[in-house]
Amino acid sequence: MRVVTALALLAAALATSTYAGTCHQMRTLIATCPQSCWDAADYGSCNSDSDANCLCNEPAFVESVSTCVENTCSASDVTEYQQLADEICATVDVQLTRRLVARA
């Protein structure tokens, strides 16, 4: 039981540290096309030095990046970005309600 608990805590710590840091640090985890959407994003009250807490809670950022990714990236990029965005925002207890839809 202790081993399972320790492994769960270690996994949570690693997941959190992977996504910790500024926007510039987090965007390195993203494919090239979605990265360009982050570069052109409306950061709203956040900026490029903001952390996940600010970015995940900023509707202007979430909507501008989501729209750009949907309209310019491949279906696989859309799917991968949605999963990564969900994981990043989960580290700050934010569940994204904006779901991405790949273009046909």
PDB file of N, CA and C in Angstrom:
ATOM      1  N   MET A   1       0.823  -1.188   0.000  1.00  0.00           N
ATOM      2  CA  MET A   1       0.000   0.000   0.000  1.00  0.00           C
ATOM      3  C   MET A   1       0.868   1.254   0.000  1.00  0.00           C
ATOM      4  N   ARG A   2       1.925   1.259   0.801  1.00  0.00           N
ATOM      5  CA  ARG A   2       2.810   2.423   0.858  1.00  0.00           C
ATOM      6  C   ARG A   2       3.510   2.650  -0.474  1.00  0.00           C
ATOM      7  N   VAL A   3       3.878   1.566  -1.156  1.00  0.00           N
ATOM      8  CA  VAL A   3       4.555   1.693  -2.443  1.00  0.00           C
ATOM      9  C   VAL A   3       3.620   2.334  -3.473  1.00  0.00           C
ATOM     10  N   VAL A   4       2.379   1.895  -3.496  1.00  0.00           N
ATOM     11  CA  VAL A   4       1.400   2.450  -4.428  1.00  0.00           C
ATOM     12  C   VAL A   4       1.193   3.929  -4.156  1.00  0.00           C
ATOM     13  N   THR A   5       1.055   4.307  -2.895  1.00  0.00           N
ATOM     14  CA  THR A   5       0.869   5.707  -2.517  1.00  0.00           C
ATOM     15  C   THR A   5       2.091   6.526  -2.913  1.00  0.00           C
ATOM     16  N   ALA A   6       3.270   6.008  -2.657  1.00  0.00           N
ATOM     17  CA  ALA A   6       4.497   6.721  -3.008  1.00  0.00           C
ATOM     18  C   ALA A   6       4.606   6.904  -4.516  1.00  0.00           C
ATOM     19  N   LEU A   7       4.267   5.877  -5.272  1.00  0.00           N
ATOM     20  CA  LEU A   7       4.322   5.991  -6.730  1.00  0.00           C
ATOM     21  C   LEU A   7       3.306   7.004  -7.248  1.00  0.00           C
ATOM     22  N   ALA A   8       2.137   7.024  -6.661  1.00  0.00           N
ATOM     23  CA  ALA A   8       1.112   7.989  -7.074  1.00  0.00           C
ATOM     24  C   ALA A   8       1.573   9.413  -6.787  1.00  0.00           C
ATOM     25  N   LEU A   9       2.171   9.634  -5.632  1.00  0.00           N
ATOM     26  CA  LEU A   9       2.678  10.962  -5.296  1.00  0.00           C
ATOM     27  C   LEU A   9       3.822  11.371  -6.203  1.00  0.00           C
ATOM     28  N   LEU A  10       4.695  10.441  -6.533  1.00  0.00           N
ATOM     29  CA  LEU A  10       5.798  10.721  -7.435  1.00  0.00           C
ATOM     30  C   LEU A  10       5.282  11.072  -8.827  1.00  0.00           C
ATOM     31  N   ALA A  11       4.324  10.329  -9.322  1.00  0.00           N
ATOM     32  CA  ALA A  11       3.750  10.608 -10.640  1.00  0.00           C
ATOM     33  C   ALA A  11       3.102  11.983 -10.669  1.00  0.00           C
ATOM     34  N   ALA A  12       2.387  12.341  -9.628  1.00  0.00           N
ATOM     35  CA  ALA A  12       1.747  13.660  -9.557  1.00  0.00           C
ATOM     36  C   ALA A  12       2.793  14.766  -9.527  1.00  0.00           C
ATOM     37  N   ALA A  13       3.852  14.560  -8.769  1.00  0.00           N
ATOM     38  CA  ALA A  13       4.909  15.572  -8.691  1.00  0.00           C
ATOM     39  C   ALA A  13       5.606  15.742 -10.035  1.00  0.00           C
ATOM     40  N   LEU A  14       5.865  14.646 -10.710  1.00  0.00           N
ATOM     41  CA  LEU A  14       6.510  14.728 -12.022  1.00  0.00           C
ATOM     42  C   LEU A  14       5.613  15.408 -13.040  1.00  0.00           C
ATOM     43  N   ALA A  15       4.346  15.099 -13.032  1.00  0.00           N
ATOM     44  CA  ALA A  15       3.412  15.727 -13.967  1.00  0.00           C
ATOM     45  C   ALA A  15       3.347  17.222 -13.729  1.00  0.00           C
ATOM     46  N   THR A  16       3.287  17.630 -12.481  1.00  0.00           N
ATOM     47  CA  THR A  16       3.215  19.047 -12.153  1.00  0.00           C
ATOM     48  C   THR A  16       4.489  19.763 -12.562  1.00  0.00           C
ATOM     49  N   SER A  17       5.644  19.177 -12.295  1.00  0.00           N
ATOM     50  CA  SER A  17       6.896  19.841 -12.626  1.00  0.00           C
ATOM     51  C   SER A  17       7.112  19.910 -14.128  1.00  0.00           C
ATOM     52  N   THR A  18       6.592  18.960 -14.883  1.00  0.00           N
ATOM     53  CA  THR A  18       6.723  18.982 -16.334  1.00  0.00           C
ATOM     54  C   THR A  18       6.056  20.216 -16.921  1.00  0.00           C
ATOM     55  N   TYR A  19       4.927  20.618 -16.353  1.00  0.00           N
ATOM     56  CA  TYR A  19       4.164  21.734 -16.888  1.00  0.00           C
ATOM     57  C   TYR A  19       4.352  23.018 -16.105  1.00  0.00           C
ATOM     58  N   ALA A  20       5.227  23.017 -15.126  1.00  0.00           N
ATOM     59  CA  ALA A  20       5.473  24.226 -14.360  1.00  0.00           C
ATOM     60  C   ALA A  20       6.315  25.185 -15.192  1.00  0.00           C
ATOM     61  N   GLY A  21       6.188  26.443 -14.903  1.00  0.00           N
ATOM     62  CA  GLY A  21       7.002  27.427 -15.581  1.00  0.00           C
ATOM     63  C   GLY A  21       6.165  28.421 -16.362  1.00  0.00           C
ATOM     64  N   THR A  22       6.857  29.211 -17.152  1.00  0.00           N
ATOM     65  CA  THR A  22       6.195  30.262 -17.911  1.00  0.00           C
ATOM     66  C   THR A  22       5.645  29.724 -19.219  1.00  0.00           C
ATOM     67  N   CYS A  23       4.900  30.563 -19.867  1.00  0.00           N
ATOM     68  CA  CYS A  23       4.334  30.240 -21.174  1.00  0.00           C
ATOM     69  C   CYS A  23       5.433  29.802 -22.138  1.00  0.00           C
ATOM     70  N   HIS A  24       6.538  30.546 -22.173  1.00  0.00           N
ATOM     71  CA  HIS A  24       7.636  30.203 -23.081  1.00  0.00           C
ATOM     72  C   HIS A  24       8.170  28.798 -22.801  1.00  0.00           C
ATOM     73  N   GLN A  25       8.249  28.425 -21.548  1.00  0.00           N
ATOM     74  CA  GLN A  25       8.739  27.095 -21.194  1.00  0.00           C
ATOM     75  C   GLN A  25       7.726  26.023 -21.569  1.00  0.00           C
ATOM     76  N   MET A  26       6.435  26.288 -21.346  1.00  0.00           N
ATOM     77  CA  MET A  26       5.403  25.303 -21.661  1.00  0.00           C
ATOM     78  C   MET A  26       5.245  25.110 -23.164  1.00  0.00           C
ATOM     79  N   ARG A  27       5.404  26.171 -23.954  1.00  0.00           N
ATOM     80  CA  ARG A  27       5.162  26.057 -25.391  1.00  0.00           C
ATOM     81  C   ARG A  27       6.173  25.147 -26.077  1.00  0.00           C
ATOM     82  N   THR A  28       7.321  24.898 -25.447  1.00  0.00           N
ATOM     83  CA  THR A  28       8.293  23.985 -26.038  1.00  0.00           C
ATOM     84  C   THR A  28       7.783  22.547 -26.083  1.00  0.00           C
ATOM     85  N   LEU A  29       6.739  22.252 -25.308  1.00  0.00           N
ATOM     86  CA  LEU A  29       6.149  20.913 -25.293  1.00  0.00           C
ATOM     87  C   LEU A  29       5.151  20.712 -26.430  1.00  0.00           C
ATOM     88  N   ILE A  30       4.842  21.783 -27.140  1.00  0.00           N
ATOM     89  CA  ILE A  30       3.768  21.782 -28.132  1.00  0.00           C
ATOM     90  C   ILE A  30       4.340  21.647 -29.537  1.00  0.00           C
ATOM     91  N   ALA A  31       3.595  20.996 -30.419  1.00  0.00           N
ATOM     92  CA  ALA A  31       3.990  20.855 -31.823  1.00  0.00           C
ATOM     93  C   ALA A  31       4.129  22.231 -32.474  1.00  0.00           C
ATOM     94  N   THR A  32       4.812  22.281 -33.600  1.00  0.00           N
ATOM     95  CA  THR A  32       5.126  23.536 -34.278  1.00  0.00           C
ATOM     96  C   THR A  32       3.899  24.374 -34.625  1.00  0.00           C
ATOM     97  N   CYS A  33       2.878  23.780 -35.196  1.00  0.00           N
ATOM     98  CA  CYS A  33       1.703  24.555 -35.587  1.00  0.00           C
ATOM     99  C   CYS A  33       1.012  25.204 -34.382  1.00  0.00           C
ATOM    100  N   PRO A  34       0.680  24.448 -33.339  1.00  0.00           N
ATOM    101  CA  PRO A  34       0.082  25.105 -32.172  1.00  0.00           C
ATOM    102  C   PRO A  34       1.011  26.134 -31.516  1.00  0.00           C
ATOM    103  N   GLN A  35       2.336  25.927 -31.617  1.00  0.00           N
ATOM    104  CA  GLN A  35       3.269  26.926 -31.080  1.00  0.00           C
ATOM    105  C   GLN A  35       3.057  28.272 -31.769  1.00  0.00           C
ATOM    106  N   SER A  36       2.852  28.246 -33.084  1.00  0.00           N
ATOM    107  CA  SER A  36       2.639  29.501 -33.811  1.00  0.00           C
ATOM    108  C   SER A  36       1.344  30.175 -33.354  1.00  0.00           C
ATOM    109  N   CYS A  37       0.369  29.379 -32.942  1.00  0.00           N
ATOM    110  CA  CYS A  37      -0.878  29.941 -32.410  1.00  0.00           C
ATOM    111  C   CYS A  37      -0.637  30.614 -31.062  1.00  0.00           C
ATOM    112  N   TRP A  38       0.225  30.028 -30.227  1.00  0.00           N
ATOM    113  CA  TRP A  38       0.578  30.670 -28.956  1.00  0.00           C
ATOM    114  C   TRP A  38       1.276  31.993 -29.225  1.00  0.00           C
ATOM    115  N   ASP A  39       2.141  32.031 -30.252  1.00  0.00           N
ATOM    116  CA  ASP A  39       2.878  33.257 -30.570  1.00  0.00           C
ATOM    117  C   ASP A  39       1.941  34.384 -30.984  1.00  0.00           C
ATOM    118  N   ALA A  40       0.848  34.040 -31.663  1.00  0.00           N
ATOM    119  CA  ALA A  40      -0.088  35.043 -32.176  1.00  0.00           C
ATOM    120  C   ALA A  40      -1.297  35.242 -31.253  1.00  0.00           C
ATOM    121  N   ALA A  41      -1.307  34.607 -30.108  1.00  0.00           N
ATOM    122  CA  ALA A  41      -2.478  34.599 -29.219  1.00  0.00           C
ATOM    123  C   ALA A  41      -2.789  35.968 -28.619  1.00  0.00           C
ATOM    124  N   ASP A  42      -4.052  36.130 -28.284  1.00  0.00           N
ATOM    125  CA  ASP A  42      -4.507  37.253 -27.472  1.00  0.00           C
ATOM    126  C   ASP A  42      -4.333  36.797 -26.028  1.00  0.00           C
ATOM    127  N   TYR A  43      -3.376  37.360 -25.326  1.00  0.00           N
ATOM    128  CA  TYR A  43      -3.078  36.930 -23.964  1.00  0.00           C
ATOM    129  C   TYR A  43      -4.012  37.551 -22.930  1.00  0.00           C
ATOM    130  N   GLY A  44      -4.878  38.450 -23.353  1.00  0.00           N
ATOM    131  CA  GLY A  44      -5.802  39.069 -22.412  1.00  0.00           C
ATOM    132  C   GLY A  44      -5.051  39.718 -21.269  1.00  0.00           C
ATOM    133  N   SER A  45      -5.380  39.359 -20.036  1.00  0.00           N
ATOM    134  CA  SER A  45      -4.715  39.928 -18.869  1.00  0.00           C
ATOM    135  C   SER A  45      -3.401  39.213 -18.535  1.00  0.00           C
ATOM    136  N   CYS A  46      -3.064  38.175 -19.286  1.00  0.00           N
ATOM    137  CA  CYS A  46      -1.799  37.450 -19.091  1.00  0.00           C
ATOM    138  C   CYS A  46      -0.761  38.002 -20.069  1.00  0.00           C
ATOM    139  N   ASN A  47       0.438  37.459 -20.012  1.00  0.00           N
ATOM    140  CA  ASN A  47       1.481  37.804 -20.977  1.00  0.00           C
ATOM    141  C   ASN A  47       2.344  36.576 -21.218  1.00  0.00           C
ATOM    142  N   SER A  48       3.355  36.728 -22.062  1.00  0.00           N
ATOM    143  CA  SER A  48       4.167  35.568 -22.433  1.00  0.00           C
ATOM    144  C   SER A  48       5.027  35.044 -21.290  1.00  0.00           C
ATOM    145  N   ASP A  49       5.082  35.752 -20.194  1.00  0.00           N
ATOM    146  CA  ASP A  49       5.798  35.269 -19.009  1.00  0.00           C
ATOM    147  C   ASP A  49       4.852  34.654 -17.982  1.00  0.00           C
ATOM    148  N   SER A  50       3.566  34.569 -18.325  1.00  0.00           N
ATOM    149  CA  SER A  50       2.564  34.038 -17.396  1.00  0.00           C
ATOM    150  C   SER A  50       2.709  32.531 -17.224  1.00  0.00           C
ATOM    151  N   ASP A  51       2.148  32.045 -16.126  1.00  0.00           N
ATOM    152  CA  ASP A  51       2.156  30.611 -15.843  1.00  0.00           C
ATOM    153  C   ASP A  51       0.818  29.992 -16.244  1.00  0.00           C
ATOM    154  N   ALA A  52       0.700  28.693 -16.037  1.00  0.00           N
ATOM    155  CA  ALA A  52      -0.512  27.965 -16.418  1.00  0.00           C
ATOM    156  C   ALA A  52      -1.741  28.494 -15.690  1.00  0.00           C
ATOM    157  N   ASN A  53      -1.580  28.928 -14.456  1.00  0.00           N
ATOM    158  CA  ASN A  53      -2.724  29.429 -13.703  1.00  0.00           C
ATOM    159  C   ASN A  53      -3.358  30.628 -14.417  1.00  0.00           C
ATOM    160  N   CYS A  54      -2.544  31.548 -14.882  1.00  0.00           N
ATOM    161  CA  CYS A  54      -3.071  32.711 -15.592  1.00  0.00           C
ATOM    162  C   CYS A  54      -3.633  32.300 -16.951  1.00  0.00           C
ATOM    163  N   LEU A  55      -2.854  31.558 -17.731  1.00  0.00           N
ATOM    164  CA  LEU A  55      -3.259  31.218 -19.102  1.00  0.00           C
ATOM    165  C   LEU A  55      -4.520  30.364 -19.141  1.00  0.00           C
ATOM    166  N   CYS A  56      -4.630  29.384 -18.279  1.00  0.00           N
ATOM    167  CA  CYS A  56      -5.791  28.492 -18.283  1.00  0.00           C
ATOM    168  C   CYS A  56      -7.063  29.182 -17.812  1.00  0.00           C
ATOM    169  N   ASN A  57      -6.911  30.262 -17.069  1.00  0.00           N
ATOM    170  CA  ASN A  57      -8.059  31.009 -16.561  1.00  0.00           C
ATOM    171  C   ASN A  57      -8.365  32.258 -17.380  1.00  0.00           C
ATOM    172  N   GLU A  58      -7.638  32.462 -18.479  1.00  0.00           N
ATOM    173  CA  GLU A  58      -7.838  33.651 -19.307  1.00  0.00           C
ATOM    174  C   GLU A  58      -8.645  33.282 -20.552  1.00  0.00           C
ATOM    175  N   PRO A  59      -9.938  33.634 -20.593  1.00  0.00           N
ATOM    176  CA  PRO A  59     -10.790  33.257 -21.727  1.00  0.00           C
ATOM    177  C   PRO A  59     -10.271  33.744 -23.081  1.00  0.00           C
ATOM    178  N   ALA A  60      -9.699  34.937 -23.123  1.00  0.00           N
ATOM    179  CA  ALA A  60      -9.195  35.462 -24.403  1.00  0.00           C
ATOM    180  C   ALA A  60      -8.074  34.577 -24.945  1.00  0.00           C
ATOM    181  N   PHE A  61      -7.175  34.134 -24.060  1.00  0.00           N
ATOM    182  CA  PHE A  61      -6.074  33.271 -24.487  1.00  0.00           C
ATOM    183  C   PHE A  61      -6.592  31.918 -24.947  1.00  0.00           C
ATOM    184  N   VAL A  62      -7.427  31.293 -24.125  1.00  0.00           N
ATOM    185  CA  VAL A  62      -7.949  29.963 -24.461  1.00  0.00           C
ATOM    186  C   VAL A  62      -8.687  30.002 -25.791  1.00  0.00           C
ATOM    187  N   GLU A  63      -9.536  30.987 -25.992  1.00  0.00           N
ATOM    188  CA  GLU A  63     -10.323  31.067 -27.223  1.00  0.00           C
ATOM    189  C   GLU A  63      -9.458  31.383 -28.434  1.00  0.00           C
ATOM    190  N   SER A  64      -8.522  32.312 -28.311  1.00  0.00           N
ATOM    191  CA  SER A  64      -7.710  32.673 -29.476  1.00  0.00           C
ATOM    192  C   SER A  64      -6.799  31.527 -29.910  1.00  0.00           C
ATOM    193  N   VAL A  65      -6.194  30.838 -28.951  1.00  0.00           N
ATOM    194  CA  VAL A  65      -5.339  29.700 -29.306  1.00  0.00           C
ATOM    195  C   VAL A  65      -6.186  28.561 -29.871  1.00  0.00           C
ATOM    196  N   SER A  66      -7.308  28.282 -29.242  1.00  0.00           N
ATOM    197  CA  SER A  66      -8.180  27.191 -29.704  1.00  0.00           C
ATOM    198  C   SER A  66      -8.655  27.428 -31.131  1.00  0.00           C
ATOM    199  N   THR A  67      -9.110  28.629 -31.422  1.00  0.00           N
ATOM    200  CA  THR A  67      -9.596  28.954 -32.769  1.00  0.00           C
ATOM    201  C   THR A  67      -8.483  28.825 -33.794  1.00  0.00           C
ATOM    202  N   CYS A  68      -7.314  29.327 -33.456  1.00  0.00           N
ATOM    203  CA  CYS A  68      -6.172  29.239 -34.365  1.00  0.00           C
ATOM    204  C   CYS A  68      -5.785  27.780 -34.625  1.00  0.00           C
ATOM    205  N   VAL A  69      -5.686  26.983 -33.582  1.00  0.00           N
ATOM    206  CA  VAL A  69      -5.310  25.576 -33.735  1.00  0.00           C
ATOM    207  C   VAL A  69      -6.332  24.851 -34.599  1.00  0.00           C
ATOM    208  N   GLU A  70      -7.608  25.086 -34.346  1.00  0.00           N
ATOM    209  CA  GLU A  70      -8.665  24.440 -35.143  1.00  0.00           C
ATOM    210  C   GLU A  70      -8.586  24.812 -36.620  1.00  0.00           C
ATOM    211  N   ASN A  71      -8.288  26.083 -36.893  1.00  0.00           N
ATOM    212  CA  ASN A  71      -8.330  26.578 -38.264  1.00  0.00           C
ATOM    213  C   ASN A  71      -7.047  26.400 -39.056  1.00  0.00           C
ATOM    214  N   THR A  72      -5.928  26.168 -38.383  1.00  0.00           N
ATOM    215  CA  THR A  72      -4.660  26.121 -39.115  1.00  0.00           C
ATOM    216  C   THR A  72      -3.859  24.831 -38.954  1.00  0.00           C
ATOM    217  N   CYS A  73      -4.164  24.020 -37.964  1.00  0.00           N
ATOM    218  CA  CYS A  73      -3.341  22.837 -37.687  1.00  0.00           C
ATOM    219  C   CYS A  73      -4.007  21.554 -38.179  1.00  0.00           C
ATOM    220  N   SER A  74      -3.191  20.535 -38.318  1.00  0.00           N
ATOM    221  CA  SER A  74      -3.695  19.228 -38.761  1.00  0.00           C
ATOM    222  C   SER A  74      -4.574  18.603 -37.681  1.00  0.00           C
ATOM    223  N   ALA A  75      -5.360  17.627 -38.075  1.00  0.00           N
ATOM    224  CA  ALA A  75      -6.236  16.936 -37.135  1.00  0.00           C
ATOM    225  C   ALA A  75      -5.438  16.305 -35.998  1.00  0.00           C
ATOM    226  N   SER A  76      -4.279  15.737 -36.317  1.00  0.00           N
ATOM    227  CA  SER A  76      -3.472  15.125 -35.253  1.00  0.00           C
ATOM    228  C   SER A  76      -2.908  16.185 -34.307  1.00  0.00           C
ATOM    229  N   ASP A  77      -2.530  17.354 -34.835  1.00  0.00           N
ATOM    230  CA  ASP A  77      -2.066  18.452 -33.976  1.00  0.00           C
ATOM    231  C   ASP A  77      -3.186  18.920 -33.053  1.00  0.00           C
ATOM    232  N   VAL A  78      -4.409  18.999 -33.594  1.00  0.00           N
ATOM    233  CA  VAL A  78      -5.560  19.426 -32.790  1.00  0.00           C
ATOM    234  C   VAL A  78      -5.772  18.463 -31.628  1.00  0.00           C
ATOM    235  N   THR A  79      -5.760  17.182 -31.927  1.00  0.00           N
ATOM    236  CA  THR A  79      -5.967  16.164 -30.891  1.00  0.00           C
ATOM    237  C   THR A  79      -4.863  16.211 -29.844  1.00  0.00           C
ATOM    238  N   GLU A  80      -3.616  16.279 -30.292  1.00  0.00           N
ATOM    239  CA  GLU A  80      -2.487  16.318 -29.363  1.00  0.00           C
ATOM    240  C   GLU A  80      -2.508  17.581 -28.512  1.00  0.00           C
ATOM    241  N   TYR A  81      -2.849  18.720 -29.147  1.00  0.00           N
ATOM    242  CA  TYR A  81      -2.878  19.971 -28.397  1.00  0.00           C
ATOM    243  C   TYR A  81      -3.972  19.938 -27.328  1.00  0.00           C
ATOM    244  N   GLN A  82      -5.139  19.427 -27.675  1.00  0.00           N
ATOM    245  CA  GLN A  82      -6.238  19.369 -26.691  1.00  0.00           C
ATOM    246  C   GLN A  82      -5.807  18.553 -25.481  1.00  0.00           C
ATOM    247  N   GLN A  83      -5.170  17.414 -25.713  1.00  0.00           N
ATOM    248  CA  GLN A  83      -4.729  16.561 -24.607  1.00  0.00           C
ATOM    249  C   GLN A  83      -3.693  17.285 -23.747  1.00  0.00           C
ATOM    250  N   LEU A  84      -2.726  17.934 -24.387  1.00  0.00           N
ATOM    251  CA  LEU A  84      -1.687  18.633 -23.639  1.00  0.00           C
ATOM    252  C   LEU A  84      -2.269  19.817 -22.871  1.00  0.00           C
ATOM    253  N   ALA A  85      -3.158  20.572 -23.499  1.00  0.00           N
ATOM    254  CA  ALA A  85      -3.788  21.715 -22.818  1.00  0.00           C
ATOM    255  C   ALA A  85      -4.567  21.241 -21.597  1.00  0.00           C
ATOM    256  N   ASP A  86      -5.296  20.140 -21.759  1.00  0.00           N
ATOM    257  CA  ASP A  86      -6.033  19.573 -20.619  1.00  0.00           C
ATOM    258  C   ASP A  86      -5.082  19.191 -19.488  1.00  0.00           C
ATOM    259  N   GLU A  87      -3.957  18.571 -19.826  1.00  0.00           N
ATOM    260  CA  GLU A  87      -2.987  18.146 -18.816  1.00  0.00           C
ATOM    261  C   GLU A  87      -2.347  19.340 -18.116  1.00  0.00           C
ATOM    262  N   ILE A  88      -1.974  20.350 -18.896  1.00  0.00           N
ATOM    263  CA  ILE A  88      -1.352  21.544 -18.313  1.00  0.00           C
ATOM    264  C   ILE A  88      -2.325  22.228 -17.361  1.00  0.00           C
ATOM    265  N   CYS A  89      -3.556  22.436 -17.810  1.00  0.00           N
ATOM    266  CA  CYS A  89      -4.534  23.146 -16.978  1.00  0.00           C
ATOM    267  C   CYS A  89      -4.950  22.331 -15.759  1.00  0.00           C
ATOM    268  N   ALA A  90      -4.931  21.035 -15.860  1.00  0.00           N
ATOM    269  CA  ALA A  90      -5.265  20.187 -14.715  1.00  0.00           C
ATOM    270  C   ALA A  90      -4.269  20.380 -13.571  1.00  0.00           C
ATOM    271  N   THR A  91      -3.038  20.749 -13.891  1.00  0.00           N
ATOM    272  CA  THR A  91      -2.042  20.958 -12.834  1.00  0.00           C
ATOM    273  C   THR A  91      -2.367  22.163 -11.969  1.00  0.00           C
ATOM    274  N   VAL A  92      -3.238  23.046 -12.471  1.00  0.00           N
ATOM    275  CA  VAL A  92      -3.658  24.203 -11.673  1.00  0.00           C
ATOM    276  C   VAL A  92      -5.159  24.131 -11.375  1.00  0.00           C
ATOM    277  N   ASP A  93      -5.678  22.897 -11.410  1.00  0.00           N
ATOM    278  CA  ASP A  93      -7.080  22.614 -11.069  1.00  0.00           C
ATOM    279  C   ASP A  93      -8.080  23.362 -11.943  1.00  0.00           C
ATOM    280  N   VAL A  94      -7.755  23.475 -13.236  1.00  0.00           N
ATOM    281  CA  VAL A  94      -8.672  24.084 -14.192  1.00  0.00           C
ATOM    282  C   VAL A  94      -9.070  23.025 -15.208  1.00  0.00           C
ATOM    283  N   GLN A  95     -10.367  22.876 -15.398  1.00  0.00           N
ATOM    284  CA  GLN A  95     -10.869  21.973 -16.428  1.00  0.00           C
ATOM    285  C   GLN A  95     -11.356  22.834 -17.591  1.00  0.00           C
ATOM    286  N   LEU A  96     -10.696  22.700 -18.724  1.00  0.00           N
ATOM    287  CA  LEU A  96     -11.077  23.484 -19.897  1.00  0.00           C
ATOM    288  C   LEU A  96     -12.441  23.032 -20.407  1.00  0.00           C
ATOM    289  N   THR A  97     -13.317  23.983 -20.621  1.00  0.00           N
ATOM    290  CA  THR A  97     -14.633  23.654 -21.176  1.00  0.00           C
ATOM    291  C   THR A  97     -14.652  23.832 -22.687  1.00  0.00           C
ATOM    292  N   ARG A  98     -13.702  24.593 -23.221  1.00  0.00           N
ATOM    293  CA  ARG A  98     -13.596  24.812 -24.658  1.00  0.00           C
ATOM    294  C   ARG A  98     -12.958  23.572 -25.263  1.00  0.00           C
ATOM    295  N   ARG A  99     -13.694  22.848 -26.094  1.00  0.00           N
ATOM    296  CA  ARG A  99     -13.188  21.629 -26.736  1.00  0.00           C
ATOM    297  C   ARG A  99     -12.841  21.952 -28.177  1.00  0.00           C
ATOM    298  N   LEU A 100     -11.735  21.443 -28.632  1.00  0.00           N
ATOM    299  CA  LEU A 100     -11.277  21.688 -30.003  1.00  0.00           C
ATOM    300  C   LEU A 100     -11.939  20.710 -30.961  1.00  0.00           C
ATOM    301  N   VAL A 101     -12.202  21.201 -32.157  1.00  0.00           N
ATOM    302  CA  VAL A 101     -12.796  20.376 -33.204  1.00  0.00           C
ATOM    303  C   VAL A 101     -11.884  20.478 -34.419  1.00  0.00           C
ATOM    304  N   ALA A 102     -11.369  19.347 -34.866  1.00  0.00           N
ATOM    305  CA  ALA A 102     -10.499  19.331 -36.041  1.00  0.00           C
ATOM    306  C   ALA A 102     -11.336  19.593 -37.286  1.00  0.00           C
ATOM    307  N   ARG A 103     -10.753  20.345 -38.204  1.00  0.00           N
ATOM    308  CA  ARG A 103     -11.465  20.604 -39.452  1.00  0.00           C
ATOM    309  C   ARG A 103     -11.484  19.345 -40.301  1.00  0.00           C
ATOM    310  N   ALA A 104     -12.492  19.233 -41.107  1.00  0.00           N
ATOM    311  CA  ALA A 104     -12.661  18.018 -41.926  1.00  0.00           C
ATOM    312  C   ALA A 104     -11.764  18.030 -43.135  1.00  0.00           C
TER     313      ALA A 104
END
